[in-house]
N, C-alpha and C. Protein backbone atom coordinates (compact mmCIF):
# COMPACT_ATOMS: atom_id res chain seq x y z
N UNK A 1 -17.77 -22.39 -19.59
CA UNK A 1 -17.65 -23.53 -18.65
C UNK A 1 -16.29 -23.38 -17.95
N UNK A 2 -16.33 -23.58 -16.52
CA UNK A 2 -15.14 -23.47 -15.80
C UNK A 2 -14.12 -24.43 -16.26
N UNK A 3 -12.89 -24.12 -16.10
CA UNK A 3 -11.72 -24.82 -16.49
C UNK A 3 -11.48 -25.89 -15.31
N UNK A 4 -11.58 -27.16 -15.68
CA UNK A 4 -11.26 -28.31 -14.71
C UNK A 4 -9.97 -28.92 -14.82
N UNK A 5 -9.18 -28.63 -15.90
CA UNK A 5 -8.00 -29.43 -16.03
C UNK A 5 -7.00 -29.07 -14.92
N UNK A 6 -6.43 -30.06 -14.32
CA UNK A 6 -5.47 -29.92 -13.29
C UNK A 6 -4.08 -29.75 -13.70
N UNK A 7 -3.87 -29.76 -14.92
CA UNK A 7 -2.47 -29.82 -15.53
C UNK A 7 -2.07 -28.48 -15.89
N UNK A 8 -2.94 -27.33 -15.55
CA UNK A 8 -2.57 -26.00 -15.94
C UNK A 8 -1.37 -25.50 -15.25
N UNK A 9 -1.13 -25.91 -13.99
CA UNK A 9 0.03 -25.44 -13.28
C UNK A 9 1.32 -26.00 -13.91
N UNK A 10 1.25 -27.31 -14.35
CA UNK A 10 2.49 -27.86 -14.92
C UNK A 10 2.78 -27.24 -16.40
N UNK A 11 1.72 -26.87 -17.06
CA UNK A 11 1.84 -26.16 -18.32
C UNK A 11 2.45 -24.84 -18.02
N UNK A 12 2.17 -24.14 -16.98
CA UNK A 12 2.64 -22.86 -16.55
C UNK A 12 4.26 -23.02 -16.36
N UNK A 13 4.55 -24.12 -15.67
CA UNK A 13 5.96 -24.28 -15.15
C UNK A 13 6.90 -24.91 -16.24
N UNK A 14 6.27 -25.22 -17.44
CA UNK A 14 7.12 -25.87 -18.51
C UNK A 14 8.15 -24.79 -18.93
N UNK A 15 9.34 -25.29 -19.32
CA UNK A 15 10.35 -24.45 -19.87
C UNK A 15 9.88 -23.77 -21.09
N UNK A 16 9.05 -24.36 -21.92
CA UNK A 16 8.63 -23.83 -23.15
C UNK A 16 7.75 -22.55 -22.84
N UNK A 17 6.90 -22.73 -21.77
CA UNK A 17 6.02 -21.40 -21.53
C UNK A 17 6.80 -20.44 -20.73
N UNK A 18 7.81 -20.83 -19.89
CA UNK A 18 8.62 -19.75 -19.25
C UNK A 18 9.49 -19.04 -20.34
N UNK A 19 9.95 -19.78 -21.36
CA UNK A 19 10.84 -19.06 -22.32
C UNK A 19 9.98 -18.14 -23.27
N UNK A 20 8.84 -18.63 -23.59
CA UNK A 20 7.79 -17.69 -24.21
C UNK A 20 7.45 -16.52 -23.45
N UNK A 21 7.36 -16.63 -22.09
CA UNK A 21 6.99 -15.54 -21.27
C UNK A 21 8.19 -14.59 -21.21
N UNK A 22 9.40 -15.11 -21.13
CA UNK A 22 10.62 -14.28 -21.23
C UNK A 22 10.62 -13.38 -22.44
N UNK A 23 10.34 -14.07 -23.60
CA UNK A 23 10.31 -13.25 -24.85
C UNK A 23 9.27 -12.14 -24.82
N UNK A 24 8.06 -12.38 -24.15
CA UNK A 24 7.13 -11.32 -24.13
C UNK A 24 7.47 -10.28 -23.18
N UNK A 25 8.11 -10.70 -21.98
CA UNK A 25 8.52 -9.70 -21.05
C UNK A 25 9.58 -8.88 -21.55
N UNK A 26 10.44 -9.31 -22.38
CA UNK A 26 11.56 -8.69 -22.90
C UNK A 26 11.24 -7.75 -24.12
N UNK A 27 10.09 -7.99 -24.83
CA UNK A 27 9.71 -7.36 -26.10
C UNK A 27 9.80 -5.75 -25.92
N UNK A 28 10.54 -5.17 -26.70
CA UNK A 28 10.62 -3.70 -26.60
C UNK A 28 11.46 -3.06 -25.56
N UNK A 29 12.05 -3.97 -24.71
CA UNK A 29 12.84 -3.44 -23.51
C UNK A 29 14.14 -4.22 -23.34
N UNK A 30 14.64 -4.74 -24.41
CA UNK A 30 15.77 -5.63 -24.45
C UNK A 30 17.01 -4.95 -24.03
N UNK A 31 17.19 -3.53 -23.99
CA UNK A 31 18.33 -2.72 -23.80
C UNK A 31 18.47 -2.39 -22.35
N UNK A 32 17.47 -2.80 -21.49
CA UNK A 32 17.58 -2.44 -20.03
C UNK A 32 18.49 -3.49 -19.35
N UNK A 33 19.24 -2.91 -18.34
CA UNK A 33 20.22 -3.75 -17.75
C UNK A 33 19.69 -4.95 -16.95
N UNK A 34 18.55 -4.71 -16.33
CA UNK A 34 18.04 -5.95 -15.64
C UNK A 34 17.65 -7.09 -16.58
N UNK A 35 17.26 -6.77 -17.79
CA UNK A 35 16.85 -7.70 -18.79
C UNK A 35 18.20 -8.43 -19.35
N UNK A 36 19.15 -7.53 -19.61
CA UNK A 36 20.50 -7.98 -20.12
C UNK A 36 21.04 -8.94 -19.09
N UNK A 37 21.03 -8.64 -17.82
CA UNK A 37 21.58 -9.45 -16.77
C UNK A 37 20.78 -10.84 -16.66
N UNK A 38 19.48 -10.71 -16.79
CA UNK A 38 18.73 -11.99 -16.68
C UNK A 38 19.01 -13.00 -17.91
N UNK A 39 19.12 -12.26 -19.08
CA UNK A 39 19.40 -13.00 -20.30
C UNK A 39 20.78 -13.71 -20.42
N UNK A 40 21.80 -13.01 -19.69
CA UNK A 40 23.10 -13.67 -19.69
C UNK A 40 23.09 -15.16 -19.17
N UNK A 41 22.31 -15.33 -18.22
CA UNK A 41 22.13 -16.71 -17.64
C UNK A 41 20.69 -17.12 -17.72
N UNK A 42 20.19 -17.03 -19.04
CA UNK A 42 18.77 -17.25 -19.24
C UNK A 42 18.30 -18.72 -18.81
N UNK A 43 19.08 -19.68 -19.24
CA UNK A 43 18.62 -21.13 -19.04
C UNK A 43 18.50 -21.30 -17.47
N UNK A 44 19.57 -20.78 -16.84
CA UNK A 44 19.67 -21.06 -15.30
C UNK A 44 18.59 -20.22 -14.61
N UNK A 45 18.32 -18.96 -15.13
CA UNK A 45 17.28 -18.12 -14.47
C UNK A 45 15.84 -18.73 -14.68
N UNK A 46 15.58 -19.22 -15.90
CA UNK A 46 14.32 -19.86 -16.14
C UNK A 46 14.15 -21.12 -15.29
N UNK A 47 15.25 -21.95 -15.27
CA UNK A 47 15.20 -23.23 -14.47
C UNK A 47 14.94 -22.78 -13.02
N UNK A 48 15.63 -21.76 -12.50
CA UNK A 48 15.44 -21.42 -11.16
C UNK A 48 13.97 -21.02 -10.93
N UNK A 49 13.31 -20.27 -11.72
CA UNK A 49 11.97 -19.83 -11.62
C UNK A 49 11.04 -21.09 -11.67
N UNK A 50 11.43 -22.06 -12.53
CA UNK A 50 10.57 -23.24 -12.78
C UNK A 50 10.70 -24.08 -11.44
N UNK A 51 11.86 -24.21 -10.80
CA UNK A 51 12.03 -24.96 -9.54
C UNK A 51 11.24 -24.33 -8.38
N UNK A 52 11.40 -22.96 -8.35
CA UNK A 52 10.65 -22.26 -7.35
C UNK A 52 9.14 -22.53 -7.35
N UNK A 53 8.63 -22.49 -8.61
CA UNK A 53 7.21 -22.70 -8.76
C UNK A 53 6.85 -24.14 -8.45
N UNK A 54 7.55 -25.07 -8.94
CA UNK A 54 7.36 -26.53 -8.58
C UNK A 54 7.45 -26.89 -7.15
N UNK A 55 8.42 -26.24 -6.49
CA UNK A 55 8.60 -26.58 -5.08
C UNK A 55 7.71 -25.56 -4.22
N UNK A 56 6.95 -24.78 -4.87
CA UNK A 56 6.08 -23.82 -4.21
C UNK A 56 6.82 -22.89 -3.23
N UNK A 57 7.94 -22.49 -3.61
CA UNK A 57 8.67 -21.54 -2.82
C UNK A 57 8.84 -20.09 -3.49
N UNK A 58 8.13 -19.96 -4.72
CA UNK A 58 8.14 -18.69 -5.36
C UNK A 58 7.34 -17.69 -4.70
N UNK A 59 7.92 -16.46 -4.50
CA UNK A 59 7.18 -15.28 -4.12
C UNK A 59 7.71 -14.07 -4.86
N UNK A 60 6.97 -13.18 -5.21
CA UNK A 60 7.39 -12.03 -5.89
C UNK A 60 8.29 -11.21 -5.08
N UNK A 61 9.29 -10.50 -5.68
CA UNK A 61 10.13 -9.65 -4.87
C UNK A 61 9.47 -8.33 -4.67
N UNK A 62 9.88 -7.51 -3.75
CA UNK A 62 9.30 -6.20 -3.50
C UNK A 62 9.24 -5.36 -4.80
N UNK A 63 8.20 -4.55 -4.94
CA UNK A 63 8.07 -3.70 -6.02
C UNK A 63 9.04 -2.50 -5.90
N UNK A 64 9.41 -1.98 -6.99
CA UNK A 64 10.25 -0.81 -7.18
C UNK A 64 9.29 0.29 -7.36
N UNK A 65 9.29 1.36 -6.65
CA UNK A 65 8.26 2.40 -6.72
C UNK A 65 9.15 3.65 -7.16
N UNK A 66 8.40 4.42 -8.17
CA UNK A 66 9.07 5.60 -8.66
C UNK A 66 7.95 6.52 -9.10
N UNK A 67 8.38 7.79 -9.46
CA UNK A 67 7.36 8.71 -9.77
C UNK A 67 7.75 9.17 -11.29
N UNK A 68 6.63 9.25 -12.18
CA UNK A 68 6.81 9.78 -13.46
C UNK A 68 6.02 10.93 -13.76
N UNK A 69 6.25 11.92 -14.62
CA UNK A 69 5.41 13.03 -15.02
C UNK A 69 5.19 12.98 -16.41
N UNK A 70 4.07 12.66 -16.89
CA UNK A 70 3.71 12.50 -18.34
C UNK A 70 2.35 13.05 -18.81
N UNK A 71 1.91 14.23 -18.77
CA UNK A 71 2.39 15.31 -17.88
C UNK A 71 1.85 15.22 -16.54
N UNK A 72 0.94 14.33 -16.24
CA UNK A 72 0.47 14.34 -14.77
C UNK A 72 1.49 13.54 -13.92
N UNK A 73 1.61 13.82 -12.75
CA UNK A 73 2.53 13.00 -11.87
C UNK A 73 1.83 11.81 -11.41
N UNK A 74 2.45 10.60 -11.54
CA UNK A 74 1.86 9.36 -11.20
C UNK A 74 3.03 8.59 -10.45
N UNK A 75 2.59 7.75 -9.37
CA UNK A 75 3.39 6.78 -8.75
C UNK A 75 3.34 5.51 -9.56
N UNK A 76 4.45 4.91 -9.86
CA UNK A 76 4.40 3.70 -10.58
C UNK A 76 5.07 2.58 -9.66
N UNK A 77 4.49 1.42 -9.57
CA UNK A 77 5.09 0.40 -8.99
C UNK A 77 5.56 -0.65 -9.99
N UNK A 78 6.82 -1.01 -9.97
CA UNK A 78 7.28 -1.92 -11.06
C UNK A 78 7.85 -3.21 -10.44
N UNK A 79 7.42 -4.34 -10.98
CA UNK A 79 7.93 -5.61 -10.58
C UNK A 79 9.46 -5.84 -11.07
N UNK A 80 10.12 -6.63 -10.47
CA UNK A 80 11.47 -7.04 -10.96
C UNK A 80 11.23 -7.93 -12.20
N UNK A 81 12.18 -7.94 -13.23
CA UNK A 81 12.04 -8.62 -14.39
C UNK A 81 11.65 -10.10 -14.24
N UNK A 82 12.20 -10.74 -13.32
CA UNK A 82 11.93 -12.22 -13.03
C UNK A 82 10.49 -12.37 -12.74
N UNK A 83 9.97 -11.37 -12.00
CA UNK A 83 8.54 -11.43 -11.71
C UNK A 83 7.59 -11.09 -12.77
N UNK A 84 8.13 -10.33 -13.67
CA UNK A 84 7.32 -10.11 -14.91
C UNK A 84 7.34 -11.35 -15.84
N UNK A 85 8.36 -12.05 -15.83
CA UNK A 85 8.41 -13.25 -16.66
C UNK A 85 7.31 -14.28 -16.03
N UNK A 86 7.25 -14.36 -14.78
CA UNK A 86 6.13 -15.21 -14.17
C UNK A 86 4.76 -14.65 -14.48
N UNK A 87 4.54 -13.33 -14.48
CA UNK A 87 3.28 -12.64 -14.83
C UNK A 87 2.89 -13.17 -16.23
N UNK A 88 3.78 -13.07 -17.14
CA UNK A 88 3.50 -13.54 -18.58
C UNK A 88 3.29 -15.01 -18.72
N UNK A 89 4.03 -15.73 -17.97
CA UNK A 89 3.80 -17.23 -17.94
C UNK A 89 2.43 -17.45 -17.53
N UNK A 90 1.99 -16.87 -16.49
CA UNK A 90 0.57 -17.00 -15.99
C UNK A 90 -0.44 -16.60 -17.00
N UNK A 91 -0.10 -15.41 -17.57
CA UNK A 91 -1.06 -15.04 -18.63
C UNK A 91 -1.23 -15.89 -19.74
N UNK A 92 -0.11 -16.47 -20.17
CA UNK A 92 -0.13 -17.38 -21.30
C UNK A 92 -1.05 -18.47 -21.02
N UNK A 93 -1.22 -18.97 -19.82
CA UNK A 93 -2.17 -20.00 -19.45
C UNK A 93 -3.56 -19.65 -19.11
N UNK A 94 -3.75 -18.59 -18.43
CA UNK A 94 -5.05 -18.22 -17.96
C UNK A 94 -5.98 -17.27 -18.94
N UNK A 95 -5.15 -16.41 -19.75
CA UNK A 95 -5.78 -15.63 -20.71
C UNK A 95 -6.75 -16.25 -21.76
N UNK A 96 -6.39 -17.36 -22.23
CA UNK A 96 -7.25 -18.08 -23.21
C UNK A 96 -8.61 -18.59 -22.50
N UNK A 97 -8.52 -18.78 -21.15
CA UNK A 97 -9.67 -19.26 -20.42
C UNK A 97 -10.51 -17.95 -20.17
N UNK A 98 -9.92 -16.82 -19.66
CA UNK A 98 -10.67 -15.83 -19.19
C UNK A 98 -11.18 -14.82 -20.40
N UNK A 99 -10.38 -14.72 -21.39
CA UNK A 99 -10.57 -13.82 -22.49
C UNK A 99 -12.05 -13.73 -22.98
N UNK A 100 -12.58 -14.99 -23.17
CA UNK A 100 -13.98 -15.07 -23.72
C UNK A 100 -15.05 -14.50 -22.85
N UNK A 101 -14.62 -14.03 -21.55
CA UNK A 101 -15.52 -13.37 -20.61
C UNK A 101 -15.53 -11.91 -20.66
N UNK A 102 -14.50 -11.35 -21.33
CA UNK A 102 -14.25 -9.93 -21.27
C UNK A 102 -15.20 -9.17 -22.27
N UNK A 103 -15.59 -7.98 -22.00
CA UNK A 103 -16.30 -7.23 -22.94
C UNK A 103 -15.59 -6.93 -24.20
N UNK A 104 -16.20 -6.80 -25.20
CA UNK A 104 -15.62 -6.66 -26.52
C UNK A 104 -14.82 -5.38 -26.50
N UNK A 105 -15.35 -4.29 -26.01
CA UNK A 105 -14.69 -2.93 -26.07
C UNK A 105 -13.78 -2.63 -24.87
N UNK A 106 -13.06 -3.64 -24.50
CA UNK A 106 -11.86 -3.51 -23.58
C UNK A 106 -10.64 -3.78 -24.31
N UNK A 107 -9.81 -2.73 -24.26
CA UNK A 107 -8.64 -2.82 -25.07
C UNK A 107 -7.21 -2.86 -24.44
N UNK A 108 -7.04 -2.65 -23.22
CA UNK A 108 -5.81 -2.60 -22.46
C UNK A 108 -5.33 -3.98 -22.29
N UNK A 109 -4.02 -4.27 -22.67
CA UNK A 109 -3.33 -5.48 -22.42
C UNK A 109 -4.10 -6.65 -22.94
N UNK A 110 -4.61 -6.57 -24.18
CA UNK A 110 -5.25 -7.79 -24.71
C UNK A 110 -4.72 -7.98 -26.15
N UNK A 111 -4.56 -9.26 -26.44
CA UNK A 111 -4.02 -9.61 -27.79
C UNK A 111 -4.94 -9.00 -28.92
N UNK A 112 -4.49 -8.50 -29.90
CA UNK A 112 -5.24 -8.15 -31.03
C UNK A 112 -5.97 -6.76 -30.62
N UNK A 113 -5.76 -6.11 -29.58
CA UNK A 113 -6.51 -4.92 -29.20
C UNK A 113 -5.40 -3.84 -29.06
N UNK A 114 -5.43 -3.09 -28.02
CA UNK A 114 -4.40 -2.02 -27.88
C UNK A 114 -4.91 -0.65 -28.16
N UNK A 115 -4.03 0.44 -28.01
CA UNK A 115 -4.29 1.80 -28.10
C UNK A 115 -4.84 2.08 -29.44
N UNK A 116 -4.16 1.60 -30.50
CA UNK A 116 -4.60 1.96 -31.94
C UNK A 116 -5.98 1.40 -32.12
N UNK A 117 -6.29 0.23 -31.73
CA UNK A 117 -7.60 -0.39 -32.03
C UNK A 117 -8.62 0.39 -31.25
N UNK A 118 -8.28 0.78 -30.02
CA UNK A 118 -9.25 1.61 -29.19
C UNK A 118 -9.51 2.98 -29.90
N UNK A 119 -8.57 3.58 -30.37
CA UNK A 119 -8.81 4.89 -31.06
C UNK A 119 -9.63 4.71 -32.28
N UNK A 120 -9.43 3.60 -33.05
CA UNK A 120 -10.21 3.34 -34.19
C UNK A 120 -11.72 3.04 -33.77
N UNK A 121 -11.87 2.26 -32.75
CA UNK A 121 -13.29 2.02 -32.18
C UNK A 121 -13.87 3.33 -31.84
N UNK A 122 -13.11 4.26 -31.04
CA UNK A 122 -13.74 5.45 -30.59
C UNK A 122 -14.11 6.34 -31.83
N UNK A 123 -13.27 6.35 -32.90
CA UNK A 123 -13.67 7.10 -34.08
C UNK A 123 -14.81 6.60 -34.68
N UNK A 124 -15.17 5.29 -34.72
CA UNK A 124 -16.34 4.75 -35.18
C UNK A 124 -17.62 5.16 -34.42
N UNK A 125 -17.49 5.13 -33.12
CA UNK A 125 -18.62 5.64 -32.29
C UNK A 125 -18.75 7.04 -32.34
N UNK A 126 -17.66 7.82 -32.44
CA UNK A 126 -17.89 9.30 -32.60
C UNK A 126 -18.43 9.72 -33.86
N UNK A 127 -18.22 9.00 -35.00
CA UNK A 127 -18.83 9.21 -36.20
C UNK A 127 -20.43 8.95 -36.12
N UNK A 128 -20.66 7.76 -35.49
CA UNK A 128 -22.11 7.32 -35.34
C UNK A 128 -22.96 8.31 -34.54
N UNK A 129 -22.38 8.71 -33.40
CA UNK A 129 -23.15 9.74 -32.43
C UNK A 129 -23.23 11.12 -33.09
N UNK A 130 -22.21 11.52 -33.74
CA UNK A 130 -22.25 12.86 -34.33
C UNK A 130 -22.82 12.96 -35.77
N UNK A 131 -23.37 11.70 -36.15
CA UNK A 131 -23.82 11.60 -37.54
C UNK A 131 -22.88 12.13 -38.60
N UNK A 132 -21.88 11.43 -38.68
CA UNK A 132 -20.69 11.78 -39.58
C UNK A 132 -20.14 13.23 -39.31
N UNK A 133 -20.02 13.48 -38.04
CA UNK A 133 -19.41 14.86 -37.67
C UNK A 133 -20.38 16.05 -38.04
N UNK A 134 -21.66 15.82 -38.21
CA UNK A 134 -22.59 16.94 -38.43
C UNK A 134 -23.15 17.47 -37.22
N UNK A 135 -23.14 16.83 -36.06
CA UNK A 135 -23.65 17.22 -34.73
C UNK A 135 -22.48 17.33 -33.81
N UNK A 136 -22.41 18.44 -33.20
CA UNK A 136 -21.33 18.60 -32.19
C UNK A 136 -21.59 17.67 -30.89
N UNK A 137 -20.38 16.97 -30.55
CA UNK A 137 -20.52 16.08 -29.36
C UNK A 137 -19.36 16.32 -28.50
N UNK A 138 -19.56 15.98 -27.15
CA UNK A 138 -18.48 16.20 -26.22
C UNK A 138 -17.95 14.93 -25.80
N UNK A 139 -16.67 14.82 -25.38
CA UNK A 139 -16.02 13.61 -24.98
C UNK A 139 -15.51 13.81 -23.57
N UNK A 140 -15.67 12.84 -22.77
CA UNK A 140 -15.11 12.82 -21.33
C UNK A 140 -14.01 11.86 -21.31
N UNK A 141 -12.73 12.37 -21.07
CA UNK A 141 -11.65 11.49 -20.89
C UNK A 141 -11.30 11.42 -19.45
N UNK A 142 -11.27 10.28 -18.81
CA UNK A 142 -10.98 10.27 -17.39
C UNK A 142 -10.20 8.99 -17.04
N UNK A 143 -9.66 8.88 -15.77
CA UNK A 143 -8.91 7.83 -15.37
C UNK A 143 -9.38 7.53 -13.86
N UNK A 144 -9.39 6.27 -13.49
CA UNK A 144 -9.87 6.06 -12.12
C UNK A 144 -8.47 5.86 -11.17
N UNK A 145 -8.41 6.71 -10.37
CA UNK A 145 -7.20 6.85 -9.48
C UNK A 145 -7.09 5.59 -8.65
N UNK A 146 -5.91 5.11 -8.74
CA UNK A 146 -5.54 3.83 -7.98
C UNK A 146 -6.62 2.73 -8.04
N UNK A 147 -7.07 2.60 -9.36
CA UNK A 147 -8.19 1.61 -9.57
C UNK A 147 -7.89 0.17 -9.01
N UNK A 148 -6.68 -0.41 -9.32
CA UNK A 148 -6.44 -1.74 -8.87
C UNK A 148 -6.28 -1.81 -7.29
N UNK A 149 -5.79 -0.86 -6.68
CA UNK A 149 -5.58 -0.77 -5.32
C UNK A 149 -6.94 -0.75 -4.49
N UNK A 150 -8.00 -0.24 -5.24
CA UNK A 150 -9.24 0.05 -4.57
C UNK A 150 -10.37 -0.94 -4.92
N UNK A 151 -10.18 -1.71 -5.91
CA UNK A 151 -11.24 -2.65 -6.20
C UNK A 151 -11.29 -3.80 -5.25
N UNK A 152 -12.41 -4.42 -5.05
CA UNK A 152 -12.44 -5.51 -4.07
C UNK A 152 -11.82 -6.68 -4.61
N UNK A 153 -10.69 -7.04 -4.05
CA UNK A 153 -9.99 -8.24 -4.62
C UNK A 153 -10.62 -9.56 -4.29
N UNK A 154 -11.41 -9.66 -3.27
CA UNK A 154 -12.23 -10.84 -2.93
C UNK A 154 -13.18 -11.08 -3.98
N UNK A 155 -13.84 -10.02 -4.55
CA UNK A 155 -14.76 -10.26 -5.64
C UNK A 155 -14.07 -10.53 -6.94
N UNK A 156 -13.03 -9.99 -7.26
CA UNK A 156 -12.18 -10.25 -8.36
C UNK A 156 -11.81 -11.66 -8.35
N UNK A 157 -11.26 -12.06 -7.19
CA UNK A 157 -10.71 -13.50 -7.03
C UNK A 157 -11.82 -14.59 -7.10
N UNK A 158 -12.99 -14.11 -6.62
CA UNK A 158 -14.27 -14.95 -6.81
C UNK A 158 -14.52 -15.29 -8.20
N UNK A 159 -14.49 -14.25 -9.03
CA UNK A 159 -14.81 -14.39 -10.41
C UNK A 159 -13.79 -15.28 -11.11
N UNK A 160 -12.42 -15.16 -10.72
CA UNK A 160 -11.44 -15.98 -11.37
C UNK A 160 -11.64 -17.48 -10.95
N UNK A 161 -11.99 -17.59 -9.68
CA UNK A 161 -12.18 -19.11 -9.16
C UNK A 161 -13.30 -19.74 -9.83
N UNK A 162 -14.30 -18.97 -10.44
CA UNK A 162 -15.31 -19.73 -11.20
C UNK A 162 -14.86 -20.30 -12.50
N UNK A 163 -13.76 -19.82 -13.01
CA UNK A 163 -13.15 -20.20 -14.33
C UNK A 163 -12.03 -21.12 -14.13
N UNK A 164 -11.13 -20.81 -13.11
CA UNK A 164 -9.87 -21.50 -12.86
C UNK A 164 -10.01 -22.53 -11.70
N UNK A 165 -9.77 -23.73 -12.02
CA UNK A 165 -10.04 -24.74 -10.84
C UNK A 165 -8.62 -25.23 -10.24
N UNK A 166 -7.58 -25.06 -11.05
CA UNK A 166 -6.35 -25.61 -10.38
C UNK A 166 -5.94 -24.75 -9.35
N UNK A 167 -5.72 -25.39 -8.11
CA UNK A 167 -5.50 -24.71 -6.86
C UNK A 167 -4.15 -24.11 -6.84
N UNK A 168 -3.15 -24.68 -7.67
CA UNK A 168 -1.82 -24.09 -7.55
C UNK A 168 -1.77 -22.79 -8.36
N UNK A 169 -2.60 -22.72 -9.47
CA UNK A 169 -2.70 -21.50 -10.29
C UNK A 169 -3.41 -20.45 -9.40
N UNK A 170 -4.41 -20.83 -8.74
CA UNK A 170 -5.20 -19.93 -7.92
C UNK A 170 -4.38 -19.32 -6.77
N UNK A 171 -3.57 -20.19 -6.29
CA UNK A 171 -2.62 -19.80 -5.12
C UNK A 171 -1.55 -18.66 -5.70
N UNK A 172 -1.03 -19.02 -6.94
CA UNK A 172 -0.06 -18.08 -7.52
C UNK A 172 -0.76 -16.71 -7.84
N UNK A 173 -1.99 -16.76 -8.44
CA UNK A 173 -2.69 -15.58 -8.75
C UNK A 173 -2.90 -14.82 -7.45
N UNK A 174 -3.28 -15.41 -6.37
CA UNK A 174 -3.56 -14.63 -5.11
C UNK A 174 -2.17 -14.08 -4.57
N UNK A 175 -1.10 -14.90 -4.66
CA UNK A 175 0.15 -14.32 -4.10
C UNK A 175 0.48 -13.03 -4.96
N UNK A 176 0.29 -13.10 -6.31
CA UNK A 176 0.62 -11.83 -7.01
C UNK A 176 -0.31 -10.76 -6.84
N UNK A 177 -1.54 -11.05 -6.80
CA UNK A 177 -2.59 -9.90 -6.54
C UNK A 177 -2.43 -9.22 -5.18
N UNK A 178 -2.11 -10.08 -4.18
CA UNK A 178 -2.10 -9.50 -2.88
C UNK A 178 -0.79 -9.14 -2.37
N UNK A 179 0.22 -9.81 -2.98
CA UNK A 179 1.61 -9.57 -2.66
C UNK A 179 1.85 -10.07 -1.11
N UNK A 180 1.03 -11.04 -0.70
CA UNK A 180 1.13 -11.51 0.62
C UNK A 180 2.43 -12.15 0.86
N UNK A 181 3.02 -11.99 2.10
CA UNK A 181 4.36 -12.55 2.37
C UNK A 181 4.22 -13.43 3.61
N UNK A 182 3.29 -14.42 3.53
CA UNK A 182 3.23 -15.35 4.59
C UNK A 182 4.29 -16.40 4.56
N UNK A 183 4.34 -17.15 5.55
CA UNK A 183 5.36 -18.25 5.45
C UNK A 183 5.09 -19.00 4.18
N UNK A 184 6.02 -19.23 3.37
CA UNK A 184 5.84 -19.77 2.02
C UNK A 184 5.20 -21.21 2.00
N UNK A 185 5.65 -22.05 2.78
CA UNK A 185 5.25 -23.41 2.80
C UNK A 185 3.78 -23.46 3.21
N UNK A 186 3.48 -22.80 4.40
CA UNK A 186 2.08 -22.72 4.85
C UNK A 186 1.12 -22.08 3.89
N UNK A 187 1.63 -20.98 3.19
CA UNK A 187 0.72 -20.27 2.33
C UNK A 187 0.32 -21.09 1.08
N UNK A 188 1.35 -21.72 0.43
CA UNK A 188 1.08 -22.49 -0.76
C UNK A 188 0.25 -23.70 -0.49
N UNK A 189 0.37 -24.25 0.81
CA UNK A 189 -0.37 -25.55 1.14
C UNK A 189 -1.58 -25.37 1.92
N UNK A 190 -1.98 -24.08 2.27
CA UNK A 190 -3.19 -23.85 2.99
C UNK A 190 -4.36 -24.25 2.37
N UNK A 191 -5.42 -24.69 3.10
CA UNK A 191 -6.64 -25.12 2.33
C UNK A 191 -7.51 -23.84 2.14
N UNK A 192 -8.42 -24.03 1.21
CA UNK A 192 -9.17 -22.94 0.72
C UNK A 192 -10.50 -22.98 1.46
């Protein structure tokens, strides 16, 4: 059933949610300088994010682009830490609503899933298909190049709109997905 509660945005903007999001964004990365700097003035930084959200003046900062080789060469676009806090704050609110619509065997970025669980599930299917490793089987490992850049964002957003009804949450999701830099006041207050 679609989410009709209009208080989702205020839950997102709560200091409790923003602090929880900070802890999630920091997890495993606490020694990085941008995180150390953010944490030095944690209360002020979280309050600033909260005010920007409530005043509808929040916009993500430009992405930092860099190349890694692990072993293949990939271009990575990284959000500033303050924007990652907002991403986690948003996920804290919308994931419980959207999670029940995901397929079971989707493991990336999901609570209780992850790489280890994906490998365990793969081993289960491999044993089943190979009849306990008595039949030779082949595995195709692949990646979709620039997947998120190439999917139809209108279709994705249409799916989200069926489940999330809070217009401020939808506006924030669209701002993050598209990275649009329209005039802030006009963008947040535009009619759908």
